[in-house]
Amino acid sequence: MPDLEAVEASVRRLSRGERATLIAHVLEDLADAYPGIESTPEVCGGEARIVRTRIPVWLLAHARELGSSEAELLTAYPTLRAEDLAHAWHYARAHADEIQRDIAANET
């Protein structure tokens, strides 16, 4: 495994854009947390949900798949904010298999 000095020298040779991409990947890898999304066993059966609510991410993702717009979702769920939807879409993209399993499990 390369030592820290060798890694630092390699990072210095990257462009600013490449360094930004690297930082984004490192942060995502280190923080397996998604802002605005919680998962606790005693709420919504442990499914990922929007903080401050009992609205699961799979429900929003499924509504979107069925054609609901963000405006319609914000109207239907008055406690939601636009940033909550952004967090939900990010989480759903990163956990697509989990979201599809949750949708399937809740459709039956």
PDB file of N, CA and C in Angstrom:
ATOM      1  N   MET A   1       0.839  -1.172   0.000  1.00  0.00           N
ATOM      2  CA  MET A   1       0.000   0.000   0.000  1.00  0.00           C
ATOM      3  C   MET A   1       0.889   1.242   0.000  1.00  0.00           C
ATOM      4  N   PRO A   2       0.559   2.207  -0.876  1.00  0.00           N
ATOM      5  CA  PRO A   2       1.423   3.391  -0.938  1.00  0.00           C
ATOM      6  C   PRO A   2       1.357   4.199   0.347  1.00  0.00           C
ATOM      7  N   ASP A   3       2.463   4.854   0.637  1.00  0.00           N
ATOM      8  CA  ASP A   3       2.458   5.679   1.841  1.00  0.00           C
ATOM      9  C   ASP A   3       1.750   6.999   1.560  1.00  0.00           C
ATOM     10  N   LEU A   4       1.446   7.711   2.604  1.00  0.00           N
ATOM     11  CA  LEU A   4       0.676   8.947   2.505  1.00  0.00           C
ATOM     12  C   LEU A   4       1.369   9.977   1.626  1.00  0.00           C
ATOM     13  N   GLU A   5       2.679  10.089   1.722  1.00  0.00           N
ATOM     14  CA  GLU A   5       3.405  11.073   0.902  1.00  0.00           C
ATOM     15  C   GLU A   5       3.250  10.776  -0.583  1.00  0.00           C
ATOM     16  N   ALA A   6       3.281   9.510  -0.958  1.00  0.00           N
ATOM     17  CA  ALA A   6       3.121   9.140  -2.372  1.00  0.00           C
ATOM     18  C   ALA A   6       1.714   9.466  -2.854  1.00  0.00           C
ATOM     19  N   VAL A   7       0.731   9.225  -2.001  1.00  0.00           N
ATOM     20  CA  VAL A   7      -0.655   9.541  -2.363  1.00  0.00           C
ATOM     21  C   VAL A   7      -0.816  11.045  -2.509  1.00  0.00           C
ATOM     22  N   GLU A   8      -0.264  11.808  -1.571  1.00  0.00           N
ATOM     23  CA  GLU A   8      -0.353  13.267  -1.652  1.00  0.00           C
ATOM     24  C   GLU A   8       0.299  13.787  -2.926  1.00  0.00           C
ATOM     25  N   ALA A   9       1.439  13.226  -3.302  1.00  0.00           N
ATOM     26  CA  ALA A   9       2.108  13.645  -4.538  1.00  0.00           C
ATOM     27  C   ALA A   9       1.233  13.326  -5.749  1.00  0.00           C
ATOM     28  N   SER A  10       0.586  12.183  -5.729  1.00  0.00           N
ATOM     29  CA  SER A  10      -0.318  11.818  -6.832  1.00  0.00           C
ATOM     30  C   SER A  10      -1.501  12.768  -6.915  1.00  0.00           C
ATOM     31  N   VAL A  11      -2.053  13.111  -5.772  1.00  0.00           N
ATOM     32  CA  VAL A  11      -3.203  14.013  -5.743  1.00  0.00           C
ATOM     33  C   VAL A  11      -2.816  15.388  -6.268  1.00  0.00           C
ATOM     34  N   ARG A  12      -1.625  15.860  -5.933  1.00  0.00           N
ATOM     35  CA  ARG A  12      -1.172  17.176  -6.417  1.00  0.00           C
ATOM     36  C   ARG A  12      -1.065  17.212  -7.940  1.00  0.00           C
ATOM     37  N   ARG A  13      -0.835  16.081  -8.575  1.00  0.00           N
ATOM     38  CA  ARG A  13      -0.723  16.032 -10.039  1.00  0.00           C
ATOM     39  C   ARG A  13      -2.083  16.051 -10.732  1.00  0.00           C
ATOM     40  N   LEU A  14      -3.153  15.865  -9.995  1.00  0.00           N
ATOM     41  CA  LEU A  14      -4.497  15.886 -10.575  1.00  0.00           C
ATOM     42  C   LEU A  14      -4.942  17.312 -10.864  1.00  0.00           C
ATOM     43  N   SER A  15      -5.822  17.449 -11.834  1.00  0.00           N
ATOM     44  CA  SER A  15      -6.412  18.771 -12.097  1.00  0.00           C
ATOM     45  C   SER A  15      -7.370  19.110 -10.955  1.00  0.00           C
ATOM     46  N   ARG A  16      -7.805  20.368 -10.904  1.00  0.00           N
ATOM     47  CA  ARG A  16      -8.763  20.772  -9.864  1.00  0.00           C
ATOM     48  C   ARG A  16     -10.051  19.969  -9.966  1.00  0.00           C
ATOM     49  N   GLY A  17     -10.518  19.750 -11.179  1.00  0.00           N
ATOM     50  CA  GLY A  17     -11.747  18.969 -11.379  1.00  0.00           C
ATOM     51  C   GLY A  17     -11.589  17.539 -10.913  1.00  0.00           C
ATOM     52  N   GLU A  18     -10.432  16.942 -11.229  1.00  0.00           N
ATOM     53  CA  GLU A  18     -10.178  15.562 -10.791  1.00  0.00           C
ATOM     54  C   GLU A  18     -10.084  15.474  -9.274  1.00  0.00           C
ATOM     55  N   ARG A  19      -9.476  16.488  -8.652  1.00  0.00           N
ATOM     56  CA  ARG A  19      -9.404  16.502  -7.186  1.00  0.00           C
ATOM     57  C   ARG A  19     -10.795  16.639  -6.571  1.00  0.00           C
ATOM     58  N   ALA A  20     -11.622  17.477  -7.175  1.00  0.00           N
ATOM     59  CA  ALA A  20     -12.991  17.637  -6.671  1.00  0.00           C
ATOM     60  C   ALA A  20     -13.748  16.321  -6.778  1.00  0.00           C
ATOM     61  N   THR A  21     -13.577  15.629  -7.895  1.00  0.00           N
ATOM     62  CA  THR A  21     -14.235  14.329  -8.068  1.00  0.00           C
ATOM     63  C   THR A  21     -13.722  13.329  -7.039  1.00  0.00           C
ATOM     64  N   LEU A  22     -12.428  13.318  -6.829  1.00  0.00           N
ATOM     65  CA  LEU A  22     -11.841  12.428  -5.828  1.00  0.00           C
ATOM     66  C   LEU A  22     -12.399  12.718  -4.443  1.00  0.00           C
ATOM     67  N   ILE A  23     -12.475  13.980  -4.092  1.00  0.00           N
ATOM     68  CA  ILE A  23     -13.012  14.348  -2.777  1.00  0.00           C
ATOM     69  C   ILE A  23     -14.458  13.890  -2.644  1.00  0.00           C
ATOM     70  N   ALA A  24     -15.233  14.089  -3.685  1.00  0.00           N
ATOM     71  CA  ALA A  24     -16.639  13.666  -3.637  1.00  0.00           C
ATOM     72  C   ALA A  24     -16.739  12.161  -3.416  1.00  0.00           C
ATOM     73  N   HIS A  25     -15.904  11.395  -4.099  1.00  0.00           N
ATOM     74  CA  HIS A  25     -15.923   9.935  -3.933  1.00  0.00           C
ATOM     75  C   HIS A  25     -15.489   9.531  -2.523  1.00  0.00           C
ATOM     76  N   VAL A  26     -14.467  10.180  -2.017  1.00  0.00           N
ATOM     77  CA  VAL A  26     -13.981   9.860  -0.668  1.00  0.00           C
ATOM     78  C   VAL A  26     -15.047  10.189   0.369  1.00  0.00           C
ATOM     79  N   LEU A  27     -15.663  11.346   0.244  1.00  0.00           N
ATOM     80  CA  LEU A  27     -16.702  11.721   1.203  1.00  0.00           C
ATOM     81  C   LEU A  27     -17.874  10.760   1.150  1.00  0.00           C
ATOM     82  N   GLU A  28     -18.271  10.381  -0.047  1.00  0.00           N
ATOM     83  CA  GLU A  28     -19.381   9.430  -0.173  1.00  0.00           C
ATOM     84  C   GLU A  28     -19.020   8.087   0.447  1.00  0.00           C
ATOM     85  N   ASP A  29     -17.768   7.669   0.239  1.00  0.00           N
ATOM     86  CA  ASP A  29     -17.317   6.393   0.785  1.00  0.00           C
ATOM     87  C   ASP A  29     -17.232   6.424   2.310  1.00  0.00           C
ATOM     88  N   LEU A  30     -16.778   7.539   2.846  1.00  0.00           N
ATOM     89  CA  LEU A  30     -16.594   7.637   4.293  1.00  0.00           C
ATOM     90  C   LEU A  30     -17.883   7.906   5.047  1.00  0.00           C
ATOM     91  N   ALA A  31     -18.777   8.609   4.427  1.00  0.00           N
ATOM     92  CA  ALA A  31     -20.007   8.985   5.112  1.00  0.00           C
ATOM     93  C   ALA A  31     -21.172   8.257   4.471  1.00  0.00           C
ATOM     94  N   ASP A  32     -21.399   7.054   4.920  1.00  0.00           N
ATOM     95  CA  ASP A  32     -22.513   6.283   4.365  1.00  0.00           C
ATOM     96  C   ASP A  32     -23.812   6.810   4.954  1.00  0.00           C
ATOM     97  N   ALA A  33     -23.919   8.101   4.887  1.00  0.00           N
ATOM     98  CA  ALA A  33     -25.114   8.770   5.385  1.00  0.00           C
ATOM     99  C   ALA A  33     -25.584   9.723   4.304  1.00  0.00           C
ATOM    100  N   TYR A  34     -26.844   9.911   4.249  1.00  0.00           N
ATOM    101  CA  TYR A  34     -27.433  10.808   3.270  1.00  0.00           C
ATOM    102  C   TYR A  34     -28.180  11.876   4.032  1.00  0.00           C
ATOM    103  N   PRO A  35     -27.797  13.147   3.815  1.00  0.00           N
ATOM    104  CA  PRO A  35     -28.472  14.218   4.549  1.00  0.00           C
ATOM    105  C   PRO A  35     -29.967  14.175   4.281  1.00  0.00           C
ATOM    106  N   GLY A  36     -30.711  14.350   5.326  1.00  0.00           N
ATOM    107  CA  GLY A  36     -32.152  14.403   5.167  1.00  0.00           C
ATOM    108  C   GLY A  36     -32.845  13.055   5.122  1.00  0.00           C
ATOM    109  N   ILE A  37     -32.077  11.975   5.193  1.00  0.00           N
ATOM    110  CA  ILE A  37     -32.650  10.626   5.138  1.00  0.00           C
ATOM    111  C   ILE A  37     -32.270   9.889   6.417  1.00  0.00           C
ATOM    112  N   GLU A  38     -33.264   9.246   7.032  1.00  0.00           N
ATOM    113  CA  GLU A  38     -33.030   8.455   8.244  1.00  0.00           C
ATOM    114  C   GLU A  38     -33.582   7.056   8.057  1.00  0.00           C
ATOM    115  N   SER A  39     -33.032   6.160   8.811  1.00  0.00           N
ATOM    116  CA  SER A  39     -33.549   4.798   8.856  1.00  0.00           C
ATOM    117  C   SER A  39     -33.392   4.301  10.282  1.00  0.00           C
ATOM    118  N   THR A  40     -34.526   4.149  10.967  1.00  0.00           N
ATOM    119  CA  THR A  40     -34.510   3.654  12.336  1.00  0.00           C
ATOM    120  C   THR A  40     -35.516   2.514  12.441  1.00  0.00           C
ATOM    121  N   PRO A  41     -35.134   1.428  13.109  1.00  0.00           N
ATOM    122  CA  PRO A  41     -35.981   0.236  13.150  1.00  0.00           C
ATOM    123  C   PRO A  41     -37.402   0.483  13.635  1.00  0.00           C
ATOM    124  N   GLU A  42     -37.586   1.408  14.568  1.00  0.00           N
ATOM    125  CA  GLU A  42     -38.918   1.596  15.158  1.00  0.00           C
ATOM    126  C   GLU A  42     -39.824   2.536  14.356  1.00  0.00           C
ATOM    127  N   VAL A  43     -39.324   3.092  13.263  1.00  0.00           N
ATOM    128  CA  VAL A  43     -40.129   4.006  12.444  1.00  0.00           C
ATOM    129  C   VAL A  43     -40.191   3.483  11.013  1.00  0.00           C
ATOM    130  N   CYS A  44     -41.376   3.325  10.488  1.00  0.00           N
ATOM    131  CA  CYS A  44     -41.591   2.840   9.110  1.00  0.00           C
ATOM    132  C   CYS A  44     -40.889   1.510   8.860  1.00  0.00           C
ATOM    133  N   GLY A  45     -40.842   0.686   9.863  1.00  0.00           N
ATOM    134  CA  GLY A  45     -40.222  -0.625   9.699  1.00  0.00           C
ATOM    135  C   GLY A  45     -38.746  -0.581   9.348  1.00  0.00           C
ATOM    136  N   GLY A  46     -38.097   0.533   9.631  1.00  0.00           N
ATOM    137  CA  GLY A  46     -36.675   0.658   9.344  1.00  0.00           C
ATOM    138  C   GLY A  46     -36.367   1.096   7.931  1.00  0.00           C
ATOM    139  N   GLU A  47     -37.408   1.353   7.130  1.00  0.00           N
ATOM    140  CA  GLU A  47     -37.179   1.797   5.756  1.00  0.00           C
ATOM    141  C   GLU A  47     -36.622   3.219   5.769  1.00  0.00           C
ATOM    142  N   ALA A  48     -35.804   3.527   4.765  1.00  0.00           N
ATOM    143  CA  ALA A  48     -35.260   4.875   4.633  1.00  0.00           C
ATOM    144  C   ALA A  48     -36.423   5.847   4.463  1.00  0.00           C
ATOM    145  N   ARG A  49     -36.363   6.957   5.198  1.00  0.00           N
ATOM    146  CA  ARG A  49     -37.453   7.925   5.164  1.00  0.00           C
ATOM    147  C   ARG A  49     -36.895   9.331   5.289  1.00  0.00           C
ATOM    148  N   ILE A  50     -37.740  10.281   4.974  1.00  0.00           N
ATOM    149  CA  ILE A  50     -37.369  11.685   5.108  1.00  0.00           C
ATOM    150  C   ILE A  50     -37.344  12.037   6.597  1.00  0.00           C
ATOM    151  N   VAL A  51     -36.279  12.717   7.038  1.00  0.00           N
ATOM    152  CA  VAL A  51     -36.203  13.120   8.445  1.00  0.00           C
ATOM    153  C   VAL A  51     -37.410  13.968   8.795  1.00  0.00           C
ATOM    154  N   ARG A  52     -37.780  13.960  10.028  1.00  0.00           N
ATOM    155  CA  ARG A  52     -38.933  14.690  10.573  1.00  0.00           C
ATOM    156  C   ARG A  52     -40.263  14.125  10.111  1.00  0.00           C
ATOM    157  N   THR A  53     -40.271  13.069   9.321  1.00  0.00           N
ATOM    158  CA  THR A  53     -41.533  12.547   8.782  1.00  0.00           C
ATOM    159  C   THR A  53     -41.560  11.028   8.876  1.00  0.00           C
ATOM    160  N   ARG A  54     -42.680  10.487   8.461  1.00  0.00           N
ATOM    161  CA  ARG A  54     -42.830   9.050   8.294  1.00  0.00           C
ATOM    162  C   ARG A  54     -43.050   8.742   6.811  1.00  0.00           C
ATOM    163  N   ILE A  55     -42.447   9.540   5.961  1.00  0.00           N
ATOM    164  CA  ILE A  55     -42.597   9.371   4.513  1.00  0.00           C
ATOM    165  C   ILE A  55     -41.385   8.606   3.988  1.00  0.00           C
ATOM    166  N   PRO A  56     -41.604   7.341   3.587  1.00  0.00           N
ATOM    167  CA  PRO A  56     -40.480   6.549   3.100  1.00  0.00           C
ATOM    168  C   PRO A  56     -40.010   7.008   1.716  1.00  0.00           C
ATOM    169  N   VAL A  57     -38.722   6.857   1.488  1.00  0.00           N
ATOM    170  CA  VAL A  57     -38.135   7.230   0.204  1.00  0.00           C
ATOM    171  C   VAL A  57     -38.754   6.409  -0.925  1.00  0.00           C
ATOM    172  N   TRP A  58     -39.008   5.117  -0.672  1.00  0.00           N
ATOM    173  CA  TRP A  58     -39.557   4.284  -1.746  1.00  0.00           C
ATOM    174  C   TRP A  58     -40.899   4.817  -2.217  1.00  0.00           C
ATOM    175  N   LEU A  59     -41.701   5.365  -1.306  1.00  0.00           N
ATOM    176  CA  LEU A  59     -43.019   5.892  -1.667  1.00  0.00           C
ATOM    177  C   LEU A  59     -42.882   7.074  -2.630  1.00  0.00           C
ATOM    178  N   LEU A  60     -41.951   7.960  -2.330  1.00  0.00           N
ATOM    179  CA  LEU A  60     -41.721   9.107  -3.202  1.00  0.00           C
ATOM    180  C   LEU A  60     -41.164   8.668  -4.547  1.00  0.00           C
ATOM    181  N   ALA A  61     -40.213   7.734  -4.508  1.00  0.00           N
ATOM    182  CA  ALA A  61     -39.624   7.237  -5.758  1.00  0.00           C
ATOM    183  C   ALA A  61     -40.676   6.555  -6.620  1.00  0.00           C
ATOM    184  N   HIS A  62     -41.543   5.801  -5.985  1.00  0.00           N
ATOM    185  CA  HIS A  62     -42.594   5.103  -6.726  1.00  0.00           C
ATOM    186  C   HIS A  62     -43.594   6.104  -7.321  1.00  0.00           C
ATOM    187  N   ALA A  63     -43.964   7.096  -6.550  1.00  0.00           N
ATOM    188  CA  ALA A  63     -44.877   8.126  -7.059  1.00  0.00           C
ATOM    189  C   ALA A  63     -44.259   8.832  -8.267  1.00  0.00           C
ATOM    190  N   ARG A  64     -42.971   9.076  -8.171  1.00  0.00           N
ATOM    191  CA  ARG A  64     -42.269   9.714  -9.299  1.00  0.00           C
ATOM    192  C   ARG A  64     -42.286   8.806 -10.519  1.00  0.00           C
ATOM    193  N   GLU A  65     -42.025   7.506 -10.310  1.00  0.00           N
ATOM    194  CA  GLU A  65     -42.068   6.539 -11.418  1.00  0.00           C
ATOM    195  C   GLU A  65     -43.434   6.517 -12.080  1.00  0.00           C
ATOM    196  N   LEU A  66     -44.472   6.718 -11.281  1.00  0.00           N
ATOM    197  CA  LEU A  66     -45.844   6.679 -11.792  1.00  0.00           C
ATOM    198  C   LEU A  66     -46.268   8.006 -12.418  1.00  0.00           C
ATOM    199  N   GLY A  67     -45.376   8.985 -12.406  1.00  0.00           N
ATOM    200  CA  GLY A  67     -45.654  10.231 -13.101  1.00  0.00           C
ATOM    201  C   GLY A  67     -45.945  11.445 -12.253  1.00  0.00           C
ATOM    202  N   SER A  68     -45.875  11.322 -10.947  1.00  0.00           N
ATOM    203  CA  SER A  68     -46.116  12.489 -10.091  1.00  0.00           C
ATOM    204  C   SER A  68     -44.963  13.479 -10.241  1.00  0.00           C
ATOM    205  N   SER A  69     -45.312  14.733 -10.321  1.00  0.00           N
ATOM    206  CA  SER A  69     -44.290  15.775 -10.398  1.00  0.00           C
ATOM    207  C   SER A  69     -43.851  16.153  -8.982  1.00  0.00           C
ATOM    208  N   GLU A  70     -42.743  16.862  -8.905  1.00  0.00           N
ATOM    209  CA  GLU A  70     -42.297  17.328  -7.594  1.00  0.00           C
ATOM    210  C   GLU A  70     -43.322  18.271  -6.982  1.00  0.00           C
ATOM    211  N   ALA A  71     -43.916  19.111  -7.798  1.00  0.00           N
ATOM    212  CA  ALA A  71     -44.937  20.040  -7.286  1.00  0.00           C
ATOM    213  C   ALA A  71     -46.116  19.267  -6.696  1.00  0.00           C
ATOM    214  N   GLU A  72     -46.526  18.203  -7.374  1.00  0.00           N
ATOM    215  CA  GLU A  72     -47.642  17.392  -6.858  1.00  0.00           C
ATOM    216  C   GLU A  72     -47.272  16.722  -5.549  1.00  0.00           C
ATOM    217  N   LEU A  73     -46.037  16.239  -5.451  1.00  0.00           N
ATOM    218  CA  LEU A  73     -45.597  15.595  -4.216  1.00  0.00           C
ATOM    219  C   LEU A  73     -45.538  16.597  -3.064  1.00  0.00           C
ATOM    220  N   LEU A  74     -45.056  17.793  -3.352  1.00  0.00           N
ATOM    221  CA  LEU A  74     -44.980  18.819  -2.307  1.00  0.00           C
ATOM    222  C   LEU A  74     -46.376  19.245  -1.851  1.00  0.00           C
ATOM    223  N   THR A  75     -47.324  19.215  -2.759  1.00  0.00           N
ATOM    224  CA  THR A  75     -48.706  19.540  -2.394  1.00  0.00           C
ATOM    225  C   THR A  75     -49.336  18.403  -1.595  1.00  0.00           C
ATOM    226  N   ALA A  76     -49.083  17.167  -2.037  1.00  0.00           N
ATOM    227  CA  ALA A  76     -49.665  16.000  -1.372  1.00  0.00           C
ATOM    228  C   ALA A  76     -49.086  15.783   0.025  1.00  0.00           C
ATOM    229  N   TYR A  77     -47.842  16.159   0.217  1.00  0.00           N
ATOM    230  CA  TYR A  77     -47.160  15.981   1.502  1.00  0.00           C
ATOM    231  C   TYR A  77     -46.655  17.344   1.979  1.00  0.00           C
ATOM    232  N   PRO A  78     -47.511  18.122   2.636  1.00  0.00           N
ATOM    233  CA  PRO A  78     -47.165  19.498   3.016  1.00  0.00           C
ATOM    234  C   PRO A  78     -45.955  19.626   3.935  1.00  0.00           C
ATOM    235  N   THR A  79     -45.593  18.555   4.623  1.00  0.00           N
ATOM    236  CA  THR A  79     -44.412  18.644   5.498  1.00  0.00           C
ATOM    237  C   THR A  79     -43.112  18.537   4.714  1.00  0.00           C
ATOM    238  N   LEU A  80     -43.194  18.131   3.458  1.00  0.00           N
ATOM    239  CA  LEU A  80     -41.988  18.012   2.630  1.00  0.00           C
ATOM    240  C   LEU A  80     -41.530  19.367   2.128  1.00  0.00           C
ATOM    241  N   ARG A  81     -40.218  19.463   1.952  1.00  0.00           N
ATOM    242  CA  ARG A  81     -39.616  20.638   1.329  1.00  0.00           C
ATOM    243  C   ARG A  81     -38.919  20.168   0.054  1.00  0.00           C
ATOM    244  N   ALA A  82     -38.648  21.094  -0.829  1.00  0.00           N
ATOM    245  CA  ALA A  82     -37.980  20.753  -2.086  1.00  0.00           C
ATOM    246  C   ALA A  82     -36.648  20.044  -1.821  1.00  0.00           C
ATOM    247  N   GLU A  83     -35.917  20.484  -0.811  1.00  0.00           N
ATOM    248  CA  GLU A  83     -34.638  19.845  -0.511  1.00  0.00           C
ATOM    249  C   GLU A  83     -34.826  18.399  -0.036  1.00  0.00           C
ATOM    250  N   ASP A  84     -35.961  18.100   0.585  1.00  0.00           N
ATOM    251  CA  ASP A  84     -36.242  16.718   0.981  1.00  0.00           C
ATOM    252  C   ASP A  84     -36.332  15.825  -0.251  1.00  0.00           C
ATOM    253  N   LEU A  85     -36.981  16.336  -1.290  1.00  0.00           N
ATOM    254  CA  LEU A  85     -37.088  15.553  -2.523  1.00  0.00           C
ATOM    255  C   LEU A  85     -35.716  15.358  -3.159  1.00  0.00           C
ATOM    256  N   ALA A  86     -34.897  16.383  -3.141  1.00  0.00           N
ATOM    257  CA  ALA A  86     -33.539  16.248  -3.689  1.00  0.00           C
ATOM    258  C   ALA A  86     -32.767  15.168  -2.940  1.00  0.00           C
ATOM    259  N   HIS A  87     -32.902  15.157  -1.616  1.00  0.00           N
ATOM    260  CA  HIS A  87     -32.240  14.124  -0.815  1.00  0.00           C
ATOM    261  C   HIS A  87     -32.799  12.737  -1.152  1.00  0.00           C
ATOM    262  N   ALA A  88     -34.112  12.668  -1.308  1.00  0.00           N
ATOM    263  CA  ALA A  88     -34.747  11.385  -1.630  1.00  0.00           C
ATOM    264  C   ALA A  88     -34.263  10.863  -2.976  1.00  0.00           C
ATOM    265  N   TRP A  89     -34.170  11.734  -3.979  1.00  0.00           N
ATOM    266  CA  TRP A  89     -33.735  11.277  -5.314  1.00  0.00           C
ATOM    267  C   TRP A  89     -32.281  10.811  -5.261  1.00  0.00           C
ATOM    268  N   HIS A  90     -31.455  11.520  -4.510  1.00  0.00           N
ATOM    269  CA  HIS A  90     -30.055  11.114  -4.372  1.00  0.00           C
ATOM    270  C   HIS A  90     -29.962   9.733  -3.707  1.00  0.00           C
ATOM    271  N   TYR A  91     -30.705   9.568  -2.629  1.00  0.00           N
ATOM    272  CA  TYR A  91     -30.695   8.286  -1.927  1.00  0.00           C
ATOM    273  C   TYR A  91     -31.220   7.172  -2.833  1.00  0.00           C
ATOM    274  N   ALA A  92     -32.309   7.444  -3.532  1.00  0.00           N
ATOM    275  CA  ALA A  92     -32.918   6.429  -4.404  1.00  0.00           C
ATOM    276  C   ALA A  92     -31.960   6.012  -5.521  1.00  0.00           C
ATOM    277  N   ARG A  93     -31.217   6.960  -6.067  1.00  0.00           N
ATOM    278  CA  ARG A  93     -30.229   6.607  -7.115  1.00  0.00           C
ATOM    279  C   ARG A  93     -29.129   5.726  -6.539  1.00  0.00           C
ATOM    280  N   ALA A  94     -28.656   6.067  -5.357  1.00  0.00           N
ATOM    281  CA  ALA A  94     -27.554   5.325  -4.749  1.00  0.00           C
ATOM    282  C   ALA A  94     -27.980   3.959  -4.225  1.00  0.00           C
ATOM    283  N   HIS A  95     -29.277   3.794  -3.930  1.00  0.00           N
ATOM    284  CA  HIS A  95     -29.790   2.548  -3.353  1.00  0.00           C
ATOM    285  C   HIS A  95     -30.947   1.998  -4.190  1.00  0.00           C
ATOM    286  N   ALA A  96     -30.753   1.984  -5.496  1.00  0.00           N
ATOM    287  CA  ALA A  96     -31.832   1.601  -6.417  1.00  0.00           C
ATOM    288  C   ALA A  96     -32.394   0.213  -6.116  1.00  0.00           C
ATOM    289  N   ASP A  97     -31.537  -0.751  -5.840  1.00  0.00           N
ATOM    290  CA  ASP A  97     -32.018  -2.109  -5.554  1.00  0.00           C
ATOM    291  C   ASP A  97     -32.886  -2.138  -4.295  1.00  0.00           C
ATOM    292  N   GLU A  98     -32.437  -1.466  -3.250  1.00  0.00           N
ATOM    293  CA  GLU A  98     -33.206  -1.396  -1.998  1.00  0.00           C
ATOM    294  C   GLU A  98     -34.571  -0.752  -2.244  1.00  0.00           C
ATOM    295  N   ILE A  99     -34.586   0.334  -2.984  1.00  0.00           N
ATOM    296  CA  ILE A  99     -35.841   1.047  -3.241  1.00  0.00           C
ATOM    297  C   ILE A  99     -36.794   0.166  -4.035  1.00  0.00           C
ATOM    298  N   GLN A 100     -36.286  -0.526  -5.042  1.00  0.00           N
ATOM    299  CA  GLN A 100     -37.158  -1.406  -5.837  1.00  0.00           C
ATOM    300  C   GLN A 100     -37.688  -2.564  -4.997  1.00  0.00           C
ATOM    301  N   ARG A 101     -36.868  -3.096  -4.096  1.00  0.00           N
ATOM    302  CA  ARG A 101     -37.347  -4.161  -3.178  1.00  0.00           C
ATOM    303  C   ARG A 101     -38.456  -3.628  -2.266  1.00  0.00           C
ATOM    304  N   ASP A 102     -38.248  -2.424  -1.747  1.00  0.00           N
ATOM    305  CA  ASP A 102     -39.255  -1.828  -0.860  1.00  0.00           C
ATOM    306  C   ASP A 102     -40.562  -1.565  -1.622  1.00  0.00           C
ATOM    307  N   ILE A 103     -40.453  -1.088  -2.856  1.00  0.00           N
ATOM    308  CA  ILE A 103     -41.656  -0.857  -3.654  1.00  0.00           C
ATOM    309  C   ILE A 103     -42.387  -2.159  -3.865  1.00  0.00           C
ATOM    310  N   ALA A 104     -41.658  -3.199  -4.266  1.00  0.00           N
ATOM    311  CA  ALA A 104     -42.272  -4.510  -4.503  1.00  0.00           C
ATOM    312  C   ALA A 104     -42.915  -5.060  -3.225  1.00  0.00           C
ATOM    313  N   ALA A 105     -42.229  -4.940  -2.114  1.00  0.00           N
ATOM    314  CA  ALA A 105     -42.739  -5.471  -0.848  1.00  0.00           C
ATOM    315  C   ALA A 105     -44.006  -4.744  -0.415  1.00  0.00           C
ATOM    316  N   ASN A 106     -44.103  -3.476  -0.723  1.00  0.00           N
ATOM    317  CA  ASN A 106     -45.252  -2.698  -0.290  1.00  0.00           C
ATOM    318  C   ASN A 106     -46.396  -2.699  -1.292  1.00  0.00           C
ATOM    319  N   GLU A 107     -46.185  -3.248  -2.464  1.00  0.00           N
ATOM    320  CA  GLU A 107     -47.259  -3.347  -3.449  1.00  0.00           C
ATOM    321  C   GLU A 107     -48.122  -4.592  -3.208  1.00  0.00           C
ATOM    322  N   THR A 108     -47.570  -5.564  -2.516  1.00  0.00           N
ATOM    323  CA  THR A 108     -48.319  -6.802  -2.311  1.00  0.00           C
ATOM    324  C   THR A 108     -49.217  -6.717  -1.096  1.00  0.00           C
TER     325      THR A 108
END
